[in-house]
Amino acid sequence: MMRPDFGRFFIVDVQELIKLSKLPVPASRSTTHSLIYLTSGEATMKIGFHDVCIQANECLVVPAGQVFSYDKYEQNQGYIVVFSSDFLIGKIGSKELIDQFEFLTLWGNPIIRPEPLSAPFLEMLFQRVQLEYQQYGLGSSLIQPYFIAALCELNTAYQPLAQGKSTTSLHLTNRFKAFLHQYIRSKHLVSEYAELLHVSPNHLNKIIRDVTNQSPSKWIDETLVLEAKVLLFQSKLSISEIATELGLLDASYFSRLFKKYVGVSPLEFRKRIDLS
């Protein structure tokens, strides 16, 4: 089903991959992008702190570095494509082209809902990409151009999460989210991110609230908790070691923060993962 170079690219039927998955999949993070395009049924996943659901002729994108989880088998049909940014660069693709795909960024909208007229074209493109991959692997010169064509088709239907806001406000918000991902293990204060963005804490608070309906301090807390969830699942570190890894020297404060957002302590959360 998957070839030795699957770290750069692979495509399979959604149900094929689900059959191989051990559910539930706790909070995880990948260094590659994942894209699900459904032709029937629906798919539900938690991306960050938000539950998202797509149906037929809709697309769900989990960009590299984003935290995701899912916990149930669903009846659906479609394709899942996992790929690195490097795969898109070559004879056809370029970094400039990738930069146009906001859905591949941590601040992008994970759901794309194309017009019904796009459905047969998208399904044809994914079918052809899958056929080439099954027969020739990445030795096929057609996989990259057909897949990029599918991404371009999806991009025409893409809608940003925050619409009707000024370009300046959106740019500041997106940079704030990018810095959160980069510095969450060392910077936990709104003032520290304001300094990185060369604005006052009050201005940052005003803009982030206006664009996202959520304060920057809550964004910081939620990102810390998501990071903790990943470490609880993907590492063998103790609770106190995870707190230290996150830059929190008070393990009891870390436990209280985690329980505030998750409803259980970090230790109980890890026990539930082990039981599942």
Protein backbone atom coordinates (compact mmCIF):
# COMPACT_ATOMS: atom_id res chain seq x y z
CA MET A 1 0.00 0.00 0.00
CA MET A 2 2.79 2.42 0.96
CA ARG A 3 6.22 2.52 -0.63
CA PRO A 4 9.65 3.12 0.96
CA ASP A 5 9.48 6.85 0.08
CA PHE A 6 6.19 7.37 1.94
CA GLY A 7 7.89 10.07 4.05
CA ARG A 8 7.71 12.36 1.01
CA PHE A 9 4.38 11.29 -0.45
CA PHE A 10 1.74 8.61 -0.41
CA ILE A 11 -1.94 8.32 -1.32
CA VAL A 12 -4.41 5.63 -0.26
CA ASP A 13 -8.15 5.12 0.09
CA VAL A 14 -9.38 6.57 3.39
CA GLN A 15 -10.82 3.22 4.49
CA GLU A 16 -7.57 1.39 3.71
CA LEU A 17 -5.68 3.59 6.17
CA ILE A 18 -8.42 3.55 8.80
CA LYS A 19 -8.32 -0.27 8.83
CA LEU A 20 -4.63 -0.10 9.75
CA SER A 21 -5.17 2.54 12.46
CA LYS A 22 -5.52 1.70 16.12
CA LEU A 23 -8.25 3.93 17.51
CA PRO A 24 -8.46 6.20 19.31
CA VAL A 25 -5.49 8.21 17.98
CA PRO A 26 -4.55 10.63 20.81
CA ALA A 27 -3.16 14.11 20.23
CA SER A 28 -0.37 13.72 17.68
CA ARG A 29 1.79 15.81 15.41
CA SER A 30 3.45 15.01 12.10
CA THR A 31 6.23 16.65 10.11
CA THR A 32 4.22 16.11 6.91
CA HIS A 33 0.92 17.52 5.64
CA SER A 34 -2.20 15.34 5.48
CA LEU A 35 -5.14 15.93 3.15
CA ILE A 36 -8.45 14.02 3.18
CA TYR A 37 -10.85 14.37 0.27
CA LEU A 38 -14.17 12.54 0.64
CA THR A 39 -16.37 11.24 -2.16
CA SER A 40 -19.04 9.92 0.24
CA GLY A 41 -19.84 9.78 3.96
CA GLU A 42 -18.28 12.07 6.52
CA ALA A 43 -15.08 12.34 8.56
CA THR A 44 -14.61 13.93 11.98
CA MET A 45 -11.34 14.97 13.58
CA LYS A 46 -10.11 17.28 16.31
CA ILE A 47 -7.61 19.82 15.02
CA GLY A 48 -6.06 21.81 17.82
CA PHE A 49 -8.91 22.42 20.27
CA HIS A 50 -11.64 22.35 17.63
CA ASP A 51 -13.77 19.49 16.29
CA VAL A 52 -14.13 19.61 12.51
CA CYS A 53 -16.27 17.54 10.19
CA ILE A 54 -16.34 17.18 6.41
CA GLN A 55 -18.77 15.44 4.05
CA ALA A 56 -18.73 14.34 0.42
CA ASN A 57 -16.85 16.66 -1.96
CA GLU A 58 -15.16 18.40 0.97
CA CYS A 59 -11.55 18.45 2.01
CA LEU A 60 -9.83 18.42 5.40
CA VAL A 61 -6.21 19.55 5.68
CA VAL A 62 -3.89 18.95 8.62
CA PRO A 63 -0.73 20.99 7.99
CA ALA A 64 2.68 19.83 9.16
CA GLY A 65 3.17 20.63 12.84
CA GLN A 66 -0.54 20.88 13.66
CA VAL A 67 -1.88 18.80 16.55
CA PHE A 68 -4.71 16.42 15.63
CA SER A 69 -6.63 13.47 17.07
CA TYR A 70 -9.55 11.25 16.14
CA ASP A 71 -11.39 8.51 17.96
CA LYS A 72 -13.99 6.71 15.86
CA TYR A 73 -14.45 4.63 12.74
CA GLU A 74 -16.73 6.24 10.17
CA GLN A 75 -18.29 4.98 6.98
CA ASN A 76 -16.82 7.04 4.18
CA GLN A 77 -15.00 6.84 0.88
CA GLY A 78 -12.30 9.05 -0.50
CA TYR A 79 -8.58 9.64 -0.50
CA ILE A 80 -5.96 10.54 2.05
CA VAL A 81 -2.72 12.07 0.83
CA VAL A 82 0.30 12.59 3.06
CA PHE A 83 3.09 14.71 1.63
CA SER A 84 6.02 16.93 2.52
CA SER A 85 6.46 20.51 1.33
CA ASP A 86 9.63 19.40 -0.47
CA PHE A 87 7.57 17.06 -2.65
CA LEU A 88 5.75 20.06 -4.14
CA ILE A 89 8.97 21.76 -5.23
CA GLY A 90 10.48 20.67 -8.54
CA LYS A 91 9.91 21.01 -12.27
CA ILE A 92 6.29 22.06 -11.77
CA GLY A 93 6.08 23.37 -8.20
CA SER A 94 7.97 26.12 -6.38
CA LYS A 95 8.10 27.74 -2.95
CA GLU A 96 6.20 30.70 -4.38
CA LEU A 97 3.40 28.33 -5.40
CA ILE A 98 3.30 26.67 -1.97
CA ASP A 99 3.06 30.08 -0.30
CA GLN A 100 -0.27 30.57 -2.09
CA PHE A 101 -1.77 27.58 -0.25
CA GLU A 102 -2.73 29.10 3.09
CA PHE A 103 -4.42 25.84 4.05
CA LEU A 104 -0.93 24.33 4.46
CA THR A 105 -0.12 26.79 7.26
CA LEU A 106 -0.85 26.45 10.97
CA TRP A 107 -3.21 29.43 10.83
CA GLY A 108 -5.15 28.27 7.77
CA ASN A 109 -8.73 27.05 7.59
CA PRO A 110 -8.57 23.22 7.72
CA ILE A 111 -11.85 22.79 5.82
CA ILE A 112 -12.28 23.44 2.10
CA ARG A 113 -15.73 23.17 0.51
CA PRO A 114 -15.46 23.23 -3.30
CA GLU A 115 -18.40 23.99 -5.56
CA PRO A 116 -20.34 20.87 -6.68
CA LEU A 117 -19.12 21.40 -10.24
CA SER A 118 -15.55 20.80 -9.01
CA ALA A 119 -16.31 17.32 -7.65
CA PRO A 120 -15.80 15.29 -10.86
CA PHE A 121 -12.56 17.14 -11.66
CA LEU A 122 -11.14 16.65 -8.16
CA GLU A 123 -12.11 12.99 -8.06
CA MET A 124 -10.52 12.43 -11.47
CA LEU A 125 -7.30 14.12 -10.33
CA PHE A 126 -7.05 12.07 -7.13
CA GLN A 127 -7.89 8.87 -9.00
CA ARG A 128 -5.11 9.53 -11.50
CA VAL A 129 -2.60 10.40 -8.78
CA GLN A 130 -3.46 7.20 -6.91
CA LEU A 131 -3.22 5.06 -10.05
CA GLU A 132 0.19 6.47 -10.95
CA TYR A 133 1.41 5.99 -7.37
CA GLN A 134 0.18 2.38 -7.22
CA GLN A 135 1.81 1.48 -10.52
CA TYR A 136 5.05 3.47 -10.48
CA GLY A 137 5.52 5.07 -7.07
CA LEU A 138 7.32 8.39 -7.18
CA GLY A 139 9.04 7.23 -10.33
CA SER A 140 6.03 8.62 -12.19
CA SER A 141 6.52 12.11 -13.58
CA LEU A 142 2.75 12.68 -13.53
CA ILE A 143 2.08 12.50 -9.80
CA GLN A 144 3.42 15.93 -8.88
CA PRO A 145 1.67 17.93 -11.66
CA TYR A 146 -1.68 16.15 -11.16
CA PHE A 147 -1.52 16.62 -7.39
CA ILE A 148 -0.56 20.28 -7.69
CA ALA A 149 -3.50 20.71 -10.07
CA ALA A 150 -5.77 19.27 -7.35
CA LEU A 151 -4.31 21.68 -4.77
CA CYS A 152 -4.85 24.60 -7.14
CA GLU A 153 -8.46 23.50 -7.71
CA LEU A 154 -8.97 23.32 -3.94
CA ASN A 155 -7.33 26.71 -3.50
CA THR A 156 -9.96 28.37 -5.69
CA ALA A 157 -12.58 27.28 -3.13
CA TYR A 158 -10.53 28.05 -0.02
CA GLN A 159 -12.01 30.55 2.46
CA PRO A 160 -9.83 32.03 5.26
CA LEU A 161 -11.01 31.57 8.84
CA ALA A 162 -11.30 35.30 9.49
CA GLN A 163 -13.02 37.25 6.75
CA GLY A 164 -13.88 40.92 6.65
CA LYS A 165 -10.85 41.88 8.75
CA SER A 166 -8.10 44.24 7.68
CA THR A 167 -5.03 42.79 5.99
CA THR A 168 -2.82 44.29 8.70
CA SER A 169 -4.82 42.63 11.49
CA LEU A 170 -4.82 39.26 9.73
CA HIS A 171 -1.08 39.46 9.09
CA LEU A 172 -0.39 40.23 12.77
CA THR A 173 -2.68 37.39 13.90
CA ASN A 174 -1.05 34.88 11.57
CA ARG A 175 2.43 35.89 12.73
CA PHE A 176 1.31 35.55 16.35
CA LYS A 177 0.08 31.99 15.68
CA ALA A 178 3.32 31.13 13.90
CA PHE A 179 5.40 32.46 16.82
CA LEU A 180 3.23 30.47 19.25
CA HIS A 181 4.17 27.28 17.43
CA GLN A 182 7.84 28.28 17.39
CA TYR A 183 8.30 29.56 20.94
CA ILE A 184 5.59 27.95 23.11
CA ARG A 185 8.13 25.96 25.14
CA SER A 186 9.99 29.10 26.22
CA LYS A 187 7.59 32.07 26.00
CA HIS A 188 4.32 32.11 27.94
CA LEU A 189 3.52 35.81 28.34
CA VAL A 190 1.53 38.05 26.02
CA SER A 191 4.20 40.74 26.50
CA GLU A 192 6.89 38.39 25.11
CA TYR A 193 4.93 37.83 21.88
CA ALA A 194 4.10 41.52 21.65
CA GLU A 195 7.84 42.23 21.79
CA LEU A 196 8.50 39.71 19.00
CA LEU A 197 5.80 41.40 16.90
CA HIS A 198 6.96 44.94 17.73
CA VAL A 199 3.59 46.03 19.13
CA SER A 200 2.31 46.80 22.62
CA PRO A 201 0.62 44.04 24.67
CA ASN A 202 -2.61 46.07 24.67
CA HIS A 203 -2.56 46.37 20.87
CA LEU A 204 -1.85 42.65 20.46
CA ASN A 205 -4.67 41.78 22.84
CA LYS A 206 -7.10 44.02 20.93
CA ILE A 207 -6.21 42.65 17.49
CA ILE A 208 -6.19 38.96 18.47
CA ARG A 209 -9.54 39.30 20.24
CA ASP A 210 -11.04 41.10 17.26
CA VAL A 211 -9.84 38.55 14.69
CA THR A 212 -10.24 35.28 16.65
CA ASN A 213 -12.77 36.13 19.38
CA GLN A 214 -10.22 34.80 21.86
CA SER A 215 -7.56 36.50 23.96
CA PRO A 216 -3.85 35.91 23.24
CA SER A 217 -3.42 34.57 26.78
CA LYS A 218 -5.99 31.84 26.07
CA TRP A 219 -4.22 31.04 22.81
CA ILE A 220 -1.01 30.62 24.81
CA ASP A 221 -2.70 28.37 27.41
CA GLU A 222 -4.36 26.18 24.78
CA THR A 223 -1.13 25.81 22.80
CA LEU A 224 0.70 24.77 25.97
CA VAL A 225 -1.96 22.14 26.69
CA LEU A 226 -1.83 20.82 23.11
CA GLU A 227 1.95 20.56 23.37
CA ALA A 228 1.53 18.69 26.64
CA LYS A 229 -0.95 16.25 25.07
CA VAL A 230 1.55 15.42 22.33
CA LEU A 231 4.33 14.83 24.85
CA LEU A 232 2.07 12.67 27.02
CA PHE A 233 1.39 10.45 24.01
CA GLN A 234 4.58 10.59 21.98
CA SER A 235 7.18 10.56 24.77
CA LYS A 236 7.97 8.59 27.93
CA LEU A 237 8.74 11.73 29.96
CA SER A 238 7.29 11.96 33.45
CA ILE A 239 4.69 14.62 34.29
CA SER A 240 7.29 16.81 35.99
CA GLU A 241 9.70 16.34 33.07
CA ILE A 242 6.97 17.38 30.63
CA ALA A 243 6.31 20.49 32.71
CA THR A 244 10.01 21.32 32.56
CA GLU A 245 10.11 20.62 28.81
CA LEU A 246 7.32 23.18 28.41
CA GLY A 247 9.22 25.76 30.42
CA LEU A 248 6.92 25.44 33.44
CA LEU A 249 9.02 25.00 36.58
CA ASP A 250 5.99 24.43 38.82
CA ALA A 251 4.60 20.97 38.02
CA SER A 252 1.51 21.58 40.17
CA TYR A 253 0.65 24.70 38.15
CA PHE A 254 1.06 22.66 34.97
CA SER A 255 -1.34 20.01 36.28
CA ARG A 256 -3.93 22.64 37.24
CA LEU A 257 -3.67 24.33 33.82
CA PHE A 258 -4.02 21.01 32.01
CA LYS A 259 -7.04 19.96 34.06
CA LYS A 260 -8.69 23.35 33.49
CA TYR A 261 -8.76 22.77 29.72
CA VAL A 262 -8.95 18.97 29.45
CA GLY A 263 -11.04 18.10 32.51
CA VAL A 264 -8.58 15.51 33.84
CA SER A 265 -5.03 15.64 35.20
CA PRO A 266 -2.04 14.89 32.93
CA LEU A 267 -1.54 11.60 34.77
CA GLU A 268 -5.16 10.53 34.23
CA PHE A 269 -4.94 11.60 30.57
CA ARG A 270 -1.90 9.36 30.06
CA LYS A 271 -3.60 6.45 31.84
CA ARG A 272 -6.56 6.75 29.46
CA ILE A 273 -4.18 6.64 26.49
CA ASP A 274 -2.53 3.49 27.87
CA LEU A 275 -5.91 1.84 28.46
CA SER A 276 -7.06 2.59 24.91
